[in-house]
PDB file of all heavy atoms in Angstrom:
ATOM      1  N   ASN A   1       0.836  -1.204   0.002  1.00  0.00           N
ATOM      2  CA  ASN A   1      -0.004  -0.002   0.008  1.00  0.00           C
ATOM      3  C   ASN A   1       0.861   1.256   0.002  1.00  0.00           C
ATOM      4  O   ASN A   1       1.960   1.259   0.570  1.00  0.00           O
ATOM      5  CB  ASN A   1      -0.902   0.009   1.241  1.00  0.00           C
ATOM      6  CG  ASN A   1      -1.746  -1.246   1.348  1.00  0.00           C
ATOM      7  OD1 ASN A   1      -2.305  -1.708   0.356  1.00  0.00           O
ATOM      8  ND2 ASN A   1      -1.828  -1.820   2.555  1.00  0.00           N
ATOM      9  N   PRO A   2       0.407   2.345  -0.631  1.00  0.00           N
ATOM     10  CA  PRO A   2       1.177   3.598  -0.629  1.00  0.00           C
ATOM     11  C   PRO A   2       1.305   4.148   0.787  1.00  0.00           C
ATOM     12  O   PRO A   2       0.377   4.040   1.598  1.00  0.00           O
ATOM     13  CB  PRO A   2       0.352   4.534  -1.523  1.00  0.00           C
ATOM     14  CG  PRO A   2      -1.020   3.934  -1.556  1.00  0.00           C
ATOM     15  CD  PRO A   2      -0.846   2.465  -1.389  1.00  0.00           C
ATOM     16  N   ILE A   3       2.447   4.775   1.081  1.00  0.00           N
ATOM     17  CA  ILE A   3       2.722   5.286   2.413  1.00  0.00           C
ATOM     18  C   ILE A   3       2.779   6.817   2.442  1.00  0.00           C
ATOM     19  O   ILE A   3       2.166   7.455   3.285  1.00  0.00           O
ATOM     20  CB  ILE A   3       4.053   4.719   2.948  1.00  0.00           C
ATOM     21  CG1 ILE A   3       4.013   3.177   2.972  1.00  0.00           C
ATOM     22  CG2 ILE A   3       4.357   5.270   4.339  1.00  0.00           C
ATOM     23  CD1 ILE A   3       3.040   2.590   3.948  1.00  0.00           C
ATOM     24  N   LEU A   4       3.523   7.402   1.515  1.00  0.00           N
ATOM     25  CA  LEU A   4       3.748   8.853   1.542  1.00  0.00           C
ATOM     26  C   LEU A   4       3.109   9.593   0.374  1.00  0.00           C
ATOM     27  O   LEU A   4       3.174  10.834   0.333  1.00  0.00           O
ATOM     28  CB  LEU A   4       5.247   9.145   1.592  1.00  0.00           C
ATOM     29  CG  LEU A   4       5.967   8.724   2.887  1.00  0.00           C
ATOM     30  CD1 LEU A   4       7.448   8.989   2.771  1.00  0.00           C
ATOM     31  CD2 LEU A   4       5.386   9.458   4.081  1.00  0.00           C
ATOM     32  N   THR A   5       2.553   8.884  -0.566  1.00  0.00           N
ATOM     33  CA  THR A   5       1.888   9.541  -1.706  1.00  0.00           C
ATOM     34  C   THR A   5       0.546   8.880  -1.958  1.00  0.00           C
ATOM     35  O   THR A   5       0.399   7.672  -1.772  1.00  0.00           O
ATOM     36  CB  THR A   5       2.753   9.420  -2.975  1.00  0.00           C
ATOM     37  OG1 THR A   5       3.017   8.042  -3.243  1.00  0.00           O
ATOM     38  CG2 THR A   5       4.047  10.169  -2.823  1.00  0.00           C
ATOM     39  N   PRO A   6      -0.453   9.676  -2.387  1.00  0.00           N
ATOM     40  CA  PRO A   6      -0.422  11.146  -2.463  1.00  0.00           C
ATOM     41  C   PRO A   6      -0.532  11.774  -1.075  1.00  0.00           C
ATOM     42  O   PRO A   6      -0.908  11.110  -0.117  1.00  0.00           O
ATOM     43  CB  PRO A   6      -1.654  11.468  -3.300  1.00  0.00           C
ATOM     44  CG  PRO A   6      -2.602  10.346  -3.016  1.00  0.00           C
ATOM     45  CD  PRO A   6      -1.750   9.114  -2.830  1.00  0.00           C
ATOM     46  N   MET A   7      -0.185  13.050  -0.988  1.00  0.00           N
ATOM     47  CA  MET A   7      -0.244  13.763   0.283  1.00  0.00           C
ATOM     48  C   MET A   7      -1.679  13.938   0.743  1.00  0.00           C
ATOM     49  O   MET A   7      -2.017  13.648   1.904  1.00  0.00           O
ATOM     50  CB  MET A   7       0.450  15.120   0.161  1.00  0.00           C
ATOM     51  CG  MET A   7       1.957  15.033  -0.033  1.00  0.00           C
ATOM     52  SD  MET A   7       2.815  14.419   1.464  1.00  0.00           S
ATOM     53  CE  MET A   7       2.749  15.864   2.495  1.00  0.00           C
ATOM     54  N   VAL A   8      -2.539  14.465  -0.115  1.00  0.00           N
ATOM     55  CA  VAL A   8      -3.971  14.638   0.183  1.00  0.00           C
ATOM     56  C   VAL A   8      -4.758  14.252  -1.061  1.00  0.00           C
ATOM     57  O   VAL A   8      -4.212  14.164  -2.171  1.00  0.00           O
ATOM     58  CB  VAL A   8      -4.314  16.081   0.614  1.00  0.00           C
ATOM     59  CG1 VAL A   8      -3.684  16.419   1.954  1.00  0.00           C
ATOM     60  CG2 VAL A   8      -3.899  17.085  -0.457  1.00  0.00           C
ATOM     61  N   GLY A   9      -6.059  14.049  -0.868  1.00  0.00           N
ATOM     62  CA  GLY A   9      -6.916  13.717  -1.987  1.00  0.00           C
ATOM     63  C   GLY A   9      -7.126  14.910  -2.923  1.00  0.00           C
ATOM     64  O   GLY A   9      -6.815  16.051  -2.572  1.00  0.00           O
ATOM     65  N   GLU A  10      -7.639  14.621  -4.072  1.00  0.00           N
ATOM     66  CA  GLU A  10      -7.843  15.649  -5.092  1.00  0.00           C
ATOM     67  C   GLU A  10      -8.798  16.732  -4.593  1.00  0.00           C
ATOM     68  O   GLU A  10      -9.846  16.446  -4.006  1.00  0.00           O
ATOM     69  CB  GLU A  10      -8.413  15.005  -6.364  1.00  0.00           C
ATOM     70  CG  GLU A  10      -8.458  15.945  -7.559  1.00  0.00           C
ATOM     71  CD  GLU A  10      -8.911  15.222  -8.819  1.00  0.00           C
ATOM     72  OE1 GLU A  10      -8.935  13.975  -8.825  1.00  0.00           O
ATOM     73  OE2 GLU A  10      -9.235  15.915  -9.805  1.00  0.00           O
ATOM     74  N   GLY A  11      -8.410  17.994  -4.830  1.00  0.00           N
ATOM     75  CA  GLY A  11      -9.249  19.128  -4.475  1.00  0.00           C
ATOM     76  C   GLY A  11      -9.115  19.605  -3.044  1.00  0.00           C
ATOM     77  O   GLY A  11      -9.802  20.537  -2.622  1.00  0.00           O
ATOM     78  N   LEU A  12      -8.235  18.962  -2.242  1.00  0.00           N
ATOM     79  CA  LEU A  12      -8.068  19.350  -0.838  1.00  0.00           C
ATOM     80  C   LEU A  12      -6.835  20.224  -0.660  1.00  0.00           C
ATOM     81  O   LEU A  12      -5.831  20.075  -1.373  1.00  0.00           O
ATOM     82  CB  LEU A  12      -7.950  18.093   0.033  1.00  0.00           C
ATOM     83  CG  LEU A  12      -9.182  17.210   0.121  1.00  0.00           C
ATOM     84  CD1 LEU A  12      -8.873  15.947   0.917  1.00  0.00           C
ATOM     85  CD2 LEU A  12     -10.353  17.954   0.750  1.00  0.00           C
ATOM     86  N   SER A  13      -6.894  21.136   0.310  1.00  0.00           N
ATOM     87  CA  SER A  13      -5.785  22.047   0.608  1.00  0.00           C
ATOM     88  C   SER A  13      -4.920  21.450   1.720  1.00  0.00           C
ATOM     89  O   SER A  13      -5.435  21.088   2.787  1.00  0.00           O
ATOM     90  CB  SER A  13      -6.321  23.408   1.040  1.00  0.00           C
ATOM     91  OG  SER A  13      -5.339  24.172   1.687  1.00  0.00           O
ATOM     92  N   VAL A  14      -3.619  21.385   1.478  1.00  0.00           N
ATOM     93  CA  VAL A  14      -2.696  20.837   2.484  1.00  0.00           C
ATOM     94  C   VAL A  14      -2.760  21.660   3.781  1.00  0.00           C
ATOM     95  O   VAL A  14      -2.777  21.096   4.884  1.00  0.00           O
ATOM     96  CB  VAL A  14      -1.246  20.828   1.950  1.00  0.00           C
ATOM     97  CG1 VAL A  14      -0.259  20.482   3.059  1.00  0.00           C
ATOM     98  CG2 VAL A  14      -1.119  19.799   0.817  1.00  0.00           C
ATOM     99  N   GLY A  15      -2.829  22.994   3.655  1.00  0.00           N
ATOM    100  CA  GLY A  15      -2.838  23.864   4.839  1.00  0.00           C
ATOM    101  C   GLY A  15      -4.008  23.624   5.758  1.00  0.00           C
ATOM    102  O   GLY A  15      -3.851  23.458   6.970  1.00  0.00           O
ATOM    103  N   SER A  16      -5.220  23.594   5.199  1.00  0.00           N
ATOM    104  CA  SER A  16      -6.399  23.409   6.034  1.00  0.00           C
ATOM    105  C   SER A  16      -6.521  21.989   6.543  1.00  0.00           C
ATOM    106  O   SER A  16      -6.937  21.745   7.680  1.00  0.00           O
ATOM    107  CB  SER A  16      -7.672  23.795   5.259  1.00  0.00           C
ATOM    108  OG  SER A  16      -7.837  22.978   4.116  1.00  0.00           O
ATOM    109  N   VAL A  17      -6.127  21.004   5.714  1.00  0.00           N
ATOM    110  CA  VAL A  17      -6.195  19.596   6.136  1.00  0.00           C
ATOM    111  C   VAL A  17      -5.213  19.349   7.279  1.00  0.00           C
ATOM    112  O   VAL A  17      -5.526  18.636   8.243  1.00  0.00           O
ATOM    113  CB  VAL A  17      -5.906  18.643   4.959  1.00  0.00           C
ATOM    114  CG1 VAL A  17      -5.732  17.212   5.458  1.00  0.00           C
ATOM    115  CG2 VAL A  17      -7.032  18.714   3.941  1.00  0.00           C
ATOM    116  N   LEU A  18      -4.010  19.940   7.204  1.00  0.00           N
ATOM    117  CA  LEU A  18      -3.013  19.733   8.246  1.00  0.00           C
ATOM    118  C   LEU A  18      -3.537  20.186   9.605  1.00  0.00           C
ATOM    119  O   LEU A  18      -3.299  19.528  10.614  1.00  0.00           O
ATOM    120  CB  LEU A  18      -1.723  20.479   7.909  1.00  0.00           C
ATOM    121  CG  LEU A  18      -0.589  20.360   8.952  1.00  0.00           C
ATOM    122  CD1 LEU A  18      -0.192  18.910   9.148  1.00  0.00           C
ATOM    123  CD2 LEU A  18       0.611  21.204   8.527  1.00  0.00           C
ATOM    124  N   GLY A  19      -4.258  21.307   9.631  1.00  0.00           N
ATOM    125  CA  GLY A  19      -4.823  21.770  10.897  1.00  0.00           C
ATOM    126  C   GLY A  19      -5.791  20.770  11.495  1.00  0.00           C
ATOM    127  O   GLY A  19      -5.779  20.512  12.702  1.00  0.00           O
ATOM    128  N   GLN A  20      -6.645  20.181  10.637  1.00  0.00           N
ATOM    129  CA  GLN A  20      -7.574  19.144  11.111  1.00  0.00           C
ATOM    130  C   GLN A  20      -6.819  17.933  11.646  1.00  0.00           C
ATOM    131  O   GLN A  20      -7.185  17.352  12.683  1.00  0.00           O
ATOM    132  CB  GLN A  20      -8.513  18.721   9.996  1.00  0.00           C
ATOM    133  CG  GLN A  20      -9.418  19.832   9.484  1.00  0.00           C
ATOM    134  CD  GLN A  20     -10.228  19.358   8.272  1.00  0.00           C
ATOM    135  OE1 GLN A  20     -10.978  18.396   8.369  1.00  0.00           O
ATOM    136  NE2 GLN A  20     -10.057  20.044   7.156  1.00  0.00           N
ATOM    137  N   LEU A  21      -5.767  17.558  10.937  1.00  0.00           N
ATOM    138  CA  LEU A  21      -4.993  16.389  11.343  1.00  0.00           C
ATOM    139  C   LEU A  21      -4.308  16.637  12.690  1.00  0.00           C
ATOM    140  O   LEU A  21      -4.244  15.755  13.545  1.00  0.00           O
ATOM    141  CB  LEU A  21      -3.922  16.066  10.288  1.00  0.00           C
ATOM    142  CG  LEU A  21      -4.420  15.701   8.876  1.00  0.00           C
ATOM    143  CD1 LEU A  21      -3.246  15.305   8.014  1.00  0.00           C
ATOM    144  CD2 LEU A  21      -5.440  14.584   8.939  1.00  0.00           C
ATOM    145  N   MET A  22      -3.802  17.851  12.880  1.00  0.00           N
ATOM    146  CA  MET A  22      -3.112  18.166  14.134  1.00  0.00           C
ATOM    147  C   MET A  22      -4.049  18.071  15.325  1.00  0.00           C
ATOM    148  O   MET A  22      -3.671  17.602  16.408  1.00  0.00           O
ATOM    149  CB  MET A  22      -2.469  19.544  14.054  1.00  0.00           C
ATOM    150  CG  MET A  22      -1.260  19.586  13.123  1.00  0.00           C
ATOM    151  SD  MET A  22      -0.564  21.245  12.917  1.00  0.00           S
ATOM    152  CE  MET A  22       0.167  21.511  14.522  1.00  0.00           C
ATOM    153  N   VAL A  23      -5.303  18.493  15.144  1.00  0.00           N
ATOM    154  CA  VAL A  23      -6.279  18.364  16.221  1.00  0.00           C
ATOM    155  C   VAL A  23      -6.517  16.898  16.553  1.00  0.00           C
ATOM    156  O   VAL A  23      -6.567  16.503  17.730  1.00  0.00           O
ATOM    157  CB  VAL A  23      -7.614  19.048  15.838  1.00  0.00           C
ATOM    158  CG1 VAL A  23      -8.711  18.712  16.824  1.00  0.00           C
ATOM    159  CG2 VAL A  23      -7.431  20.556  15.746  1.00  0.00           C
ATOM    160  N   SER A  24      -6.626  16.059  15.530  1.00  0.00           N
ATOM    161  CA  SER A  24      -6.819  14.626  15.766  1.00  0.00           C
ATOM    162  C   SER A  24      -5.609  14.002  16.459  1.00  0.00           C
ATOM    163  O   SER A  24      -5.738  13.244  17.417  1.00  0.00           O
ATOM    164  CB  SER A  24      -7.056  13.911  14.419  1.00  0.00           C
ATOM    165  OG  SER A  24      -8.272  14.302  13.860  1.00  0.00           O
ATOM    166  N   VAL A  25      -4.399  14.358  15.984  1.00  0.00           N
ATOM    167  CA  VAL A  25      -3.191  13.777  16.558  1.00  0.00           C
ATOM    168  C   VAL A  25      -2.946  14.310  17.967  1.00  0.00           C
ATOM    169  O   VAL A  25      -2.458  13.570  18.838  1.00  0.00           O
ATOM    170  CB  VAL A  25      -1.977  14.061  15.650  1.00  0.00           C
ATOM    171  CG1 VAL A  25      -0.685  13.563  16.287  1.00  0.00           C
ATOM    172  CG2 VAL A  25      -2.160  13.386  14.292  1.00  0.00           C
ATOM    173  N   LEU A  26      -3.290  15.564  18.243  1.00  0.00           N
ATOM    174  CA  LEU A  26      -3.104  16.139  19.569  1.00  0.00           C
ATOM    175  C   LEU A  26      -3.901  15.375  20.628  1.00  0.00           C
ATOM    176  O   LEU A  26      -3.501  15.299  21.795  1.00  0.00           O
ATOM    177  CB  LEU A  26      -3.491  17.625  19.595  1.00  0.00           C
ATOM    178  CG  LEU A  26      -2.444  18.562  18.982  1.00  0.00           C
ATOM    179  CD1 LEU A  26      -3.013  19.968  18.819  1.00  0.00           C
ATOM    180  CD2 LEU A  26      -1.167  18.577  19.794  1.00  0.00           C
ATOM    181  N   PHE A  27      -5.022  14.809  20.223  1.00  0.00           N
ATOM    182  CA  PHE A  27      -5.793  13.962  21.147  1.00  0.00           C
ATOM    183  C   PHE A  27      -4.933  12.785  21.613  1.00  0.00           C
ATOM    184  O   PHE A  27      -4.913  12.437  22.794  1.00  0.00           O
ATOM    185  CB  PHE A  27      -7.057  13.443  20.454  1.00  0.00           C
ATOM    186  CG  PHE A  27      -7.831  12.445  21.269  1.00  0.00           C
ATOM    187  CD1 PHE A  27      -8.641  12.834  22.314  1.00  0.00           C
ATOM    188  CD2 PHE A  27      -7.757  11.088  20.981  1.00  0.00           C
ATOM    189  CE1 PHE A  27      -9.344  11.899  23.079  1.00  0.00           C
ATOM    190  CE2 PHE A  27      -8.442  10.137  21.723  1.00  0.00           C
ATOM    191  CZ  PHE A  27      -9.251  10.558  22.778  1.00  0.00           C
ATOM    192  N   ALA A  28      -4.202  12.186  20.672  1.00  0.00           N
ATOM    193  CA  ALA A  28      -3.349  11.037  21.019  1.00  0.00           C
ATOM    194  C   ALA A  28      -2.150  11.459  21.854  1.00  0.00           C
ATOM    195  O   ALA A  28      -1.612  10.652  22.625  1.00  0.00           O
ATOM    196  CB  ALA A  28      -2.870  10.345  19.746  1.00  0.00           C
ATOM    197  N   PHE A  29      -1.707  12.723  21.728  1.00  0.00           N
ATOM    198  CA  PHE A  29      -0.550  13.205  22.468  1.00  0.00           C
ATOM    199  C   PHE A  29      -0.926  13.810  23.821  1.00  0.00           C
ATOM    200  O   PHE A  29      -0.034  14.128  24.604  1.00  0.00           O
ATOM    201  CB  PHE A  29       0.208  14.255  21.652  1.00  0.00           C
ATOM    202  CG  PHE A  29       1.244  13.685  20.737  1.00  0.00           C
ATOM    203  CD1 PHE A  29       0.962  13.443  19.403  1.00  0.00           C
ATOM    204  CD2 PHE A  29       2.528  13.395  21.194  1.00  0.00           C
ATOM    205  CE1 PHE A  29       1.917  12.939  18.541  1.00  0.00           C
ATOM    206  CE2 PHE A  29       3.488  12.876  20.351  1.00  0.00           C
ATOM    207  CZ  PHE A  29       3.195  12.652  19.012  1.00  0.00           C
ATOM    208  N   ASP A  30      -2.215  14.002  24.073  1.00  0.00           N
ATOM    209  CA  ASP A  30      -2.590  14.710  25.298  1.00  0.00           C
ATOM    210  C   ASP A  30      -2.085  13.971  26.538  1.00  0.00           C
ATOM    211  O   ASP A  30      -2.171  12.743  26.617  1.00  0.00           O
ATOM    212  CB  ASP A  30      -4.108  14.879  25.389  1.00  0.00           C
ATOM    213  CG  ASP A  30      -4.478  15.959  26.353  1.00  0.00           C
ATOM    214  OD1 ASP A  30      -4.534  17.133  25.944  1.00  0.00           O
ATOM    215  OD2 ASP A  30      -4.688  15.661  27.554  1.00  0.00           O
ATOM    216  N   GLY A  31      -1.589  14.742  27.493  1.00  0.00           N
ATOM    217  CA  GLY A  31      -1.016  14.168  28.707  1.00  0.00           C
ATOM    218  C   GLY A  31       0.371  14.704  28.977  1.00  0.00           C
ATOM    219  O   GLY A  31       0.898  14.561  30.090  1.00  0.00           O
ATOM    220  N   TRP A  32       1.000  15.356  27.966  1.00  0.00           N
ATOM    221  CA  TRP A  32       2.338  15.901  28.188  1.00  0.00           C
ATOM    222  C   TRP A  32       2.336  17.048  29.204  1.00  0.00           C
ATOM    223  O   TRP A  32       3.390  17.377  29.766  1.00  0.00           O
ATOM    224  CB  TRP A  32       2.954  16.361  26.874  1.00  0.00           C
ATOM    225  CG  TRP A  32       2.125  17.346  26.131  1.00  0.00           C
ATOM    226  CD1 TRP A  32       1.264  17.070  25.110  1.00  0.00           C
ATOM    227  CD2 TRP A  32       2.025  18.754  26.354  1.00  0.00           C
ATOM    228  NE1 TRP A  32       0.623  18.231  24.682  1.00  0.00           N
ATOM    229  CE2 TRP A  32       1.100  19.267  25.438  1.00  0.00           C
ATOM    230  CE3 TRP A  32       2.665  19.624  27.234  1.00  0.00           C
ATOM    231  CZ2 TRP A  32       0.766  20.600  25.384  1.00  0.00           C
ATOM    232  CZ3 TRP A  32       2.330  20.967  27.185  1.00  0.00           C
ATOM    233  CH2 TRP A  32       1.384  21.452  26.256  1.00  0.00           C
ATOM    234  N   THR A  33       1.179  17.638  29.494  1.00  0.00           N
ATOM    235  CA  THR A  33       1.103  18.713  30.485  1.00  0.00           C
ATOM    236  C   THR A  33       1.404  18.183  31.890  1.00  0.00           C
ATOM    237  O   THR A  33       1.672  18.985  32.797  1.00  0.00           O
ATOM    238  CB  THR A  33      -0.278  19.384  30.487  1.00  0.00           C
ATOM    239  OG1 THR A  33      -1.281  18.388  30.623  1.00  0.00           O
ATOM    240  CG2 THR A  33      -0.490  20.156  29.206  1.00  0.00           C
ATOM    241  N   ASN A  34       1.368  16.876  32.074  1.00  0.00           N
ATOM    242  CA  ASN A  34       1.704  16.303  33.375  1.00  0.00           C
ATOM    243  C   ASN A  34       3.199  16.349  33.660  1.00  0.00           C
ATOM    244  O   ASN A  34       3.635  15.995  34.745  1.00  0.00           O
ATOM    245  CB  ASN A  34       1.245  14.836  33.442  1.00  0.00           C
ATOM    246  CG  ASN A  34      -0.271  14.729  33.362  1.00  0.00           C
ATOM    247  OD1 ASN A  34      -0.991  15.529  33.948  1.00  0.00           O
ATOM    248  ND2 ASN A  34      -0.753  13.745  32.644  1.00  0.00           N
ATOM    249  N   VAL A  35       3.988  16.784  32.668  1.00  0.00           N
ATOM    250  CA  VAL A  35       5.444  16.729  32.822  1.00  0.00           C
ATOM    251  C   VAL A  35       5.940  17.543  34.018  1.00  0.00           C
ATOM    252  O   VAL A  35       6.858  17.142  34.715  1.00  0.00           O
ATOM    253  CB  VAL A  35       6.142  17.194  31.525  1.00  0.00           C
ATOM    254  CG1 VAL A  35       5.882  18.656  31.263  1.00  0.00           C
ATOM    255  CG2 VAL A  35       7.609  16.901  31.568  1.00  0.00           C
ATOM    256  N   GLY A  36       5.306  18.678  34.290  1.00  0.00           N
ATOM    257  CA  GLY A  36       5.737  19.507  35.412  1.00  0.00           C
ATOM    258  C   GLY A  36       5.488  18.848  36.758  1.00  0.00           C
ATOM    259  O   GLY A  36       6.147  19.192  37.750  1.00  0.00           O
ATOM    260  N   ALA A  37       4.548  17.906  36.814  1.00  0.00           N
ATOM    261  CA  ALA A  37       4.189  17.288  38.093  1.00  0.00           C
ATOM    262  C   ALA A  37       5.316  16.456  38.696  1.00  0.00           C
ATOM    263  O   ALA A  37       5.382  16.264  39.905  1.00  0.00           O
ATOM    264  CB  ALA A  37       2.953  16.422  37.903  1.00  0.00           C
TER     265      ALA A  37
END
């Protein structure tokens, strides 16, 4: 299966899609704020 291509589907903007992806991925990363504890 393709891994790095294509970047996004036809007609989609990389800039706006990346923002949506970051929100999704940030859910998986949540918890780093505990580092100060």
